[in-house]
C-alpha atoms as a PDB file:
ATOM      1  CA  MET A   1      59.824  61.835 110.152  1.00  0.00           C
ATOM      2  CA  THR A   2      56.493  63.654 109.957  1.00  0.00           C
ATOM      3  CA  PRO A   3      53.527  62.269 108.031  1.00  0.00           C
ATOM      4  CA  GLU A   4      53.934  65.073 105.440  1.00  0.00           C
ATOM      5  CA  ASP A   5      57.614  64.205 104.911  1.00  0.00           C
ATOM      6  CA  ARG A   6      56.729  60.559 104.553  1.00  0.00           C
ATOM      7  CA  GLU A   7      54.029  61.364 101.981  1.00  0.00           C
ATOM      8  CA  ARG A   8      56.491  63.495  99.962  1.00  0.00           C
ATOM      9  CA  TYR A   9      59.081  60.737 100.162  1.00  0.00           C
ATOM     10  CA  VAL A  10      56.602  58.115  98.904  1.00  0.00           C
ATOM     11  CA  LYS A  11      55.349  60.364  96.059  1.00  0.00           C
ATOM     12  CA  ARG A  12      58.911  61.088  94.963  1.00  0.00           C
ATOM     13  CA  GLY A  13      59.700  57.369  95.024  1.00  0.00           C
ATOM     14  CA  VAL A  14      56.621  56.565  92.934  1.00  0.00           C
ATOM     15  CA  LYS A  15      57.560  59.248  90.390  1.00  0.00           C
ATOM     16  CA  LEU A  16      61.094  57.893  90.120  1.00  0.00           C
ATOM     17  CA  ALA A  17      59.798  54.328  89.732  1.00  0.00           C
ATOM     18  CA  ILE A  18      57.444  55.410  86.929  1.00  0.00           C
ATOM     19  CA  LEU A  19      60.226  57.368  85.211  1.00  0.00           C
ATOM     20  CA  GLY A  20      62.631  54.424  85.518  1.00  0.00           C
ATOM     21  CA  THR A  21      60.034  52.044  84.073  1.00  0.00           C
ATOM     22  CA  PHE A  22      59.415  54.410  81.168  1.00  0.00           C
ATOM     23  CA  ILE A  23      63.137  54.729  80.380  1.00  0.00           C
ATOM     24  CA  PHE A  24      63.593  50.960  80.609  1.00  0.00           C
ATOM     25  CA  ALA A  25      60.638  50.430  78.244  1.00  0.00           C
ATOM     26  CA  ILE A  26      62.192  52.789  75.681  1.00  0.00           C
ATOM     27  CA  TYR A  27      65.473  50.893  75.976  1.00  0.00           C
ATOM     28  CA  LEU A  28      63.695  47.575  75.334  1.00  0.00           C
ATOM     29  CA  VAL A  29      61.854  48.948  72.306  1.00  0.00           C
ATOM     30  CA  GLU A  30      65.081  50.346  70.833  1.00  0.00           C
ATOM     31  CA  ARG A  31      66.835  47.005  71.299  1.00  0.00           C
ATOM     32  CA  SER A  32      63.930  45.117  69.756  1.00  0.00           C
ATOM     33  CA  ILE A  33      64.002  46.983  66.437  1.00  0.00           C
ATOM     34  CA  GLY A  34      66.651  45.690  64.063  1.00  0.00           C
ATOM     35  CA  GLU A  35      68.140  46.970  60.865  1.00  0.00           C
ATOM     36  CA  THR A  36      66.596  45.705  57.660  1.00  0.00           C
ATOM     37  CA  GLU A  37      68.689  44.516  54.730  1.00  0.00           C
ATOM     38  CA  THR A  38      68.002  46.945  51.897  1.00  0.00           C
ATOM     39  CA  ALA A  39      69.485  47.975  48.561  1.00  0.00           C
ATOM     40  CA  ALA A  40      69.217  50.820  46.079  1.00  0.00           C
ATOM     41  CA  TYR A  41      69.715  50.097  42.392  1.00  0.00           C
ATOM     42  CA  LYS A  42      69.656  52.318  39.330  1.00  0.00           C
ATOM     43  CA  THR A  43      68.286  49.600  37.047  1.00  0.00           C
ATOM     44  CA  LEU A  44      66.639  46.210  37.207  1.00  0.00           C
ATOM     45  CA  ASP A  45      69.791  44.698  35.672  1.00  0.00           C
ATOM     46  CA  ASP A  46      71.892  46.080  38.553  1.00  0.00           C
ATOM     47  CA  CYS A  47      69.670  44.218  41.027  1.00  0.00           C
ATOM     48  CA  LEU A  48      69.800  40.994  39.023  1.00  0.00           C
ATOM     49  CA  LYS A  49      73.616  41.148  38.721  1.00  0.00           C
ATOM     50  CA  ASP A  50      74.110  41.789  42.455  1.00  0.00           C
ATOM     51  CA  SER A  51      72.267  38.550  43.412  1.00  0.00           C
ATOM     52  CA  LYS A  52      71.527  39.932  46.888  1.00  0.00           C
ATOM     53  CA  PHE A  53      67.829  39.457  46.087  1.00  0.00           C
ATOM     54  CA  GLY A  54      66.151  36.864  43.895  1.00  0.00           C
ATOM     55  CA  PRO A  55      65.093  37.644  40.304  1.00  0.00           C
ATOM     56  CA  ASP A  56      61.399  37.659  41.241  1.00  0.00           C
ATOM     57  CA  ASP A  57      62.022  40.107  44.108  1.00  0.00           C
ATOM     58  CA  CYS A  58      64.074  42.367  41.841  1.00  0.00           C
ATOM     59  CA  LYS A  59      61.386  42.411  39.145  1.00  0.00           C
ATOM     60  CA  SER A  60      58.379  42.870  41.436  1.00  0.00           C
ATOM     61  CA  SER A  61      60.140  45.636  43.419  1.00  0.00           C
ATOM     62  CA  PHE A  62      61.093  47.420  40.207  1.00  0.00           C
ATOM     63  CA  GLU A  63      57.503  47.219  38.916  1.00  0.00           C
ATOM     64  CA  THR A  64      56.119  48.450  42.265  1.00  0.00           C
ATOM     65  CA  ALA A  65      58.598  51.346  42.307  1.00  0.00           C
ATOM     66  CA  ARG A  66      57.757  52.275  38.719  1.00  0.00           C
ATOM     67  CA  ALA A  67      54.011  52.270  39.471  1.00  0.00           C
ATOM     68  CA  GLU A  68      54.641  54.427  42.559  1.00  0.00           C
ATOM     69  CA  HIS A  69      56.713  56.833  40.465  1.00  0.00           C
ATOM     70  CA  LEU A  70      53.927  57.229  37.904  1.00  0.00           C
ATOM     71  CA  LYS A  71      51.416  58.028  40.683  1.00  0.00           C
ATOM     72  CA  ASN A  72      53.440  59.812  43.382  1.00  0.00           C
ATOM     73  CA  ALA A  73      56.568  61.401  41.925  1.00  0.00           C
ATOM     74  CA  PRO A  74      57.272  64.958  43.133  1.00  0.00           C
ATOM     75  CA  SER A  75      55.205  67.290  40.974  1.00  0.00           C
ATOM     76  CA  TYR A  76      55.957  70.830  39.815  1.00  0.00           C
ATOM     77  CA  GLN A  77      53.809  73.340  37.915  1.00  0.00           C
ATOM     78  CA  ASN A  78      56.561  74.040  35.386  1.00  0.00           C
ATOM     79  CA  ARG A  79      59.709  72.418  34.034  1.00  0.00           C
ATOM     80  CA  GLU A  80      61.998  75.163  35.403  1.00  0.00           C
ATOM     81  CA  ASP A  81      61.047  74.484  39.036  1.00  0.00           C
ATOM     82  CA  CYS A  82      61.519  70.754  38.551  1.00  0.00           C
ATOM     83  CA  GLU A  83      64.898  71.211  36.874  1.00  0.00           C
ATOM     84  CA  GLU A  84      66.025  73.589  39.607  1.00  0.00           C
ATOM     85  CA  GLU A  85      65.551  70.754  42.107  1.00  0.00           C
ATOM     86  CA  PHE A  86      66.707  67.793  39.985  1.00  0.00           C
ATOM     87  CA  GLY A  87      68.959  69.243  37.281  1.00  0.00           C
ATOM     88  CA  ASN A  88      68.664  70.260  33.630  1.00  0.00           C
ATOM     89  CA  GLY A  89      67.056  67.679  31.361  1.00  0.00           C
ATOM     90  CA  ARG A  90      66.028  65.458  34.295  1.00  0.00           C
ATOM     91  CA  CYS A  91      62.275  66.126  34.280  1.00  0.00           C
ATOM     92  CA  GLU A  92      59.321  64.824  32.291  1.00  0.00           C
ATOM     93  CA  GLN A  93      55.700  65.801  31.891  1.00  0.00           C
ATOM     94  CA  THR A  94      53.303  63.817  34.096  1.00  0.00           C
ATOM     95  CA  SER A  95      50.494  61.662  32.777  1.00  0.00           C
ATOM     96  CA  SER A  96      46.870  61.519  33.922  1.00  0.00           C
ATOM     97  CA  ALA A  97      47.821  58.579  36.196  1.00  0.00           C
ATOM     98  CA  HIS A  98      49.822  60.939  38.426  1.00  0.00           C
ATOM     99  CA  GLY A  99      48.188  62.101  41.676  1.00  0.00           C
ATOM    100  CA  GLY A 100      48.741  65.724  40.603  1.00  0.00           C
ATOM    101  CA  GLY A 101      47.147  65.060  37.205  1.00  0.00           C
ATOM    102  CA  ALA A 102      48.539  65.549  33.720  1.00  0.00           C
ATOM    103  CA  GLY A 103      50.422  68.645  32.614  1.00  0.00           C
ATOM    104  CA  HIS A 104      52.792  68.929  35.571  1.00  0.00           C
ATOM    105  CA  TYR A 105      56.478  68.040  35.630  1.00  0.00           C
ATOM    106  CA  SER A 106      58.213  65.395  37.706  1.00  0.00           C
ATOM    107  CA  PRO A 107      61.786  64.105  37.842  1.00  0.00           C
ATOM    108  CA  TYR A 108      62.869  60.984  36.038  1.00  0.00           C
ATOM    109  CA  GLN A 109      63.074  57.911  38.211  1.00  0.00           C
ATOM    110  CA  TRP A 110      66.807  57.355  38.793  1.00  0.00           C
ATOM    111  CA  GLY A 111      66.603  54.146  40.778  1.00  0.00           C
ATOM    112  CA  TYR A 112      64.571  52.067  43.163  1.00  0.00           C
ATOM    113  CA  LEU A 113      64.655  50.742  46.698  1.00  0.00           C
ATOM    114  CA  ILE A 114      64.257  47.056  47.479  1.00  0.00           C
ATOM    115  CA  GLY A 115      64.211  45.384  50.896  1.00  0.00           C
ATOM    116  CA  ARG A 116      63.529  42.212  52.804  1.00  0.00           C
ATOM    117  CA  ALA A 117      60.066  41.231  53.991  1.00  0.00           C
ATOM    118  CA  GLU A 118      58.969  41.941  57.561  1.00  0.00           C
ATOM    119  CA  LYS A 119      60.178  39.403  60.110  1.00  0.00           C
ATOM    120  CA  SER A 120      60.862  38.851  63.798  1.00  0.00           C
ATOM    121  CA  VAL A 121      63.864  36.847  65.032  1.00  0.00           C
ATOM    122  CA  ASN A 122      64.458  36.152  68.736  1.00  0.00           C
ATOM    123  CA  GLY A 123      62.243  39.056  69.732  1.00  0.00           C
ATOM    124  CA  VAL A 124      63.972  41.532  67.387  1.00  0.00           C
ATOM    125  CA  TYR A 125      61.598  43.130  64.871  1.00  0.00           C
ATOM    126  CA  TYR A 126      62.893  43.775  61.345  1.00  0.00           C
ATOM    127  CA  PRO A 127      60.451  46.044  59.480  1.00  0.00           C
ATOM    128  CA  ALA A 128      59.608  45.499  55.846  1.00  0.00           C
ATOM    129  CA  VAL A 129      61.070  48.039  53.450  1.00  0.00           C
ATOM    130  CA  PRO A 130      58.527  49.022  50.806  1.00  0.00           C
ATOM    131  CA  ALA A 131      59.769  49.087  47.231  1.00  0.00           C
ATOM    132  CA  SER A 132      59.866  52.695  46.133  1.00  0.00           C
ATOM    133  CA  ALA A 133      61.125  54.991  43.413  1.00  0.00           C
ATOM    134  CA  LEU A 134      64.323  56.939  44.024  1.00  0.00           C
ATOM    135  CA  TYR A 135      65.423  60.279  42.597  1.00  0.00           C
ATOM    136  CA  GLU A 136      68.693  62.194  42.336  1.00  0.00           C
ATOM    137  CA  SER A 137      68.319  65.741  43.643  1.00  0.00           C
ATOM    138  CA  SER A 138      70.791  68.386  42.518  1.00  0.00           C
ATOM    139  CA  HIS A 139      70.876  69.690  46.129  1.00  0.00           C
ATOM    140  CA  ILE A 140      71.271  66.441  48.084  1.00  0.00           C
ATOM    141  CA  PRO A 141      74.028  63.971  47.199  1.00  0.00           C
ATOM    142  CA  GLY A 142      72.594  60.481  46.804  1.00  0.00           C
ATOM    143  CA  PHE A 143      69.136  59.017  46.312  1.00  0.00           C
ATOM    144  CA  VAL A 144      66.049  60.704  47.760  1.00  0.00           C
ATOM    145  CA  ASN A 145      62.489  59.380  47.924  1.00  0.00           C
ATOM    146  CA  ALA A 146      59.359  61.161  46.655  1.00  0.00           C
ATOM    147  CA  ASP A 147      59.159  63.215  49.863  1.00  0.00           C
ATOM    148  CA  GLY A 148      62.752  64.416  49.591  1.00  0.00           C
ATOM    149  CA  TRP A 149      64.188  62.221  52.368  1.00  0.00           C
ATOM    150  CA  LEU A 150      67.753  61.071  51.773  1.00  0.00           C
ATOM    151  CA  VAL A 151      67.597  57.283  51.467  1.00  0.00           C
ATOM    152  CA  THR A 152      71.227  56.456  50.694  1.00  0.00           C
ATOM    153  CA  ASN A 153      74.258  57.927  48.995  1.00  0.00           C
ATOM    154  CA  LYS A 154      75.424  54.683  47.410  1.00  0.00           C
ATOM    155  CA  VAL A 155      74.218  52.063  44.971  1.00  0.00           C
ATOM    156  CA  GLY A 156      73.914  48.517  46.290  1.00  0.00           C
ATOM    157  CA  GLY A 157      73.183  47.028  49.679  1.00  0.00           C
ATOM    158  CA  PHE A 158      72.939  48.808  53.026  1.00  0.00           C
ATOM    159  CA  LYS A 159      71.083  48.424  56.324  1.00  0.00           C
ATOM    160  CA  MET A 160      68.117  50.668  57.101  1.00  0.00           C
ATOM    161  CA  THR A 161      66.749  51.288  60.580  1.00  0.00           C
ATOM    162  CA  TYR A 162      63.055  51.554  61.350  1.00  0.00           C
ATOM    163  CA  GLY A 163      63.135  55.275  62.172  1.00  0.00           C
ATOM    164  CA  ASN A 164      64.423  56.226  58.728  1.00  0.00           C
ATOM    165  CA  GLY A 165      62.028  58.589  56.916  1.00  0.00           C
ATOM    166  CA  ALA A 166      62.490  56.631  53.728  1.00  0.00           C
ATOM    167  CA  LEU A 167      60.257  53.895  55.145  1.00  0.00           C
ATOM    168  CA  ILE A 168      57.296  56.272  55.073  1.00  0.00           C
ATOM    169  CA  SER A 169      55.186  55.810  51.955  1.00  0.00           C
ATOM    170  CA  PRO A 170      54.078  59.044  50.291  1.00  0.00           C
ATOM    171  CA  ASP A 171      50.412  60.045  50.137  1.00  0.00           C
ATOM    172  CA  VAL A 172      48.744  58.950  46.935  1.00  0.00           C
ATOM    173  CA  ARG A 173      46.697  62.105  46.346  1.00  0.00           C
ATOM    174  CA  THR A 174      48.701  65.330  46.561  1.00  0.00           C
ATOM    175  CA  THR A 175      48.476  68.897  45.389  1.00  0.00           C
ATOM    176  CA  THR A 176      51.739  70.734  44.782  1.00  0.00           C
ATOM    177  CA  LEU A 177      52.226  74.466  44.594  1.00  0.00           C
ATOM    178  CA  ALA A 178      54.892  76.014  42.371  1.00  0.00           C
ATOM    179  CA  ARG A 179      57.732  76.541  44.847  1.00  0.00           C
ATOM    180  CA  SER A 180      61.330  75.413  44.649  1.00  0.00           C
ATOM    181  CA  GLY A 181      62.927  72.675  46.717  1.00  0.00           C
ATOM    182  CA  PHE A 182      61.692  69.940  48.971  1.00  0.00           C
ATOM    183  CA  GLY A 183      61.708  72.144  52.068  1.00  0.00           C
ATOM    184  CA  THR A 184      59.492  74.793  50.508  1.00  0.00           C
ATOM    185  CA  ARG A 185      57.034  72.591  48.657  1.00  0.00           C
ATOM    186  CA  HIS A 186      53.517  72.542  50.059  1.00  0.00           C
ATOM    187  CA  VAL A 187      51.705  69.239  49.927  1.00  0.00           C
ATOM    188  CA  SER A 188      48.174  68.710  51.138  1.00  0.00           C
ATOM    189  CA  ALA A 189      46.285  65.441  51.312  1.00  0.00           C
ATOM    190  CA  SER A 190      42.909  65.353  49.582  1.00  0.00           C
END
């Protein structure tokens, strides 16, 4: 074996060792992220009846979701665009508390998301699920969040993984152009 062959052999071995370490690290991270117990409810009473969460958790999550809805609900310049996305009679005029300001239209809040607090058990990380408002789109079956991500297609409990887009909180200050649908809406942070 020539010195050049040996050098190539060593470099290739180092590259493979680095690649193997990287793949193993990804595997460990994936195994260390658990699913978080979560639920979607249409009303506060639904949460209280289910008894999956305590009354205080149900109430505080509902209040947090309602406050988020008033500030961050999807916003449209006119009622027609809002109703095209969420259905006839399912939109209301926004107040001055909304990030887009008064005079726009947003969908009614059709439910809310509640989840367990952040925890770690035996090295497995379970992320917290922020309480958030949920909406029923006329184009996507189930509940969507303010950014249009499908959260769930059922009412009640389910398990949510960390990579789910529903765990991402929407920006507080947004500007929305008059375009139809979640995929064509332009949002810019101020």
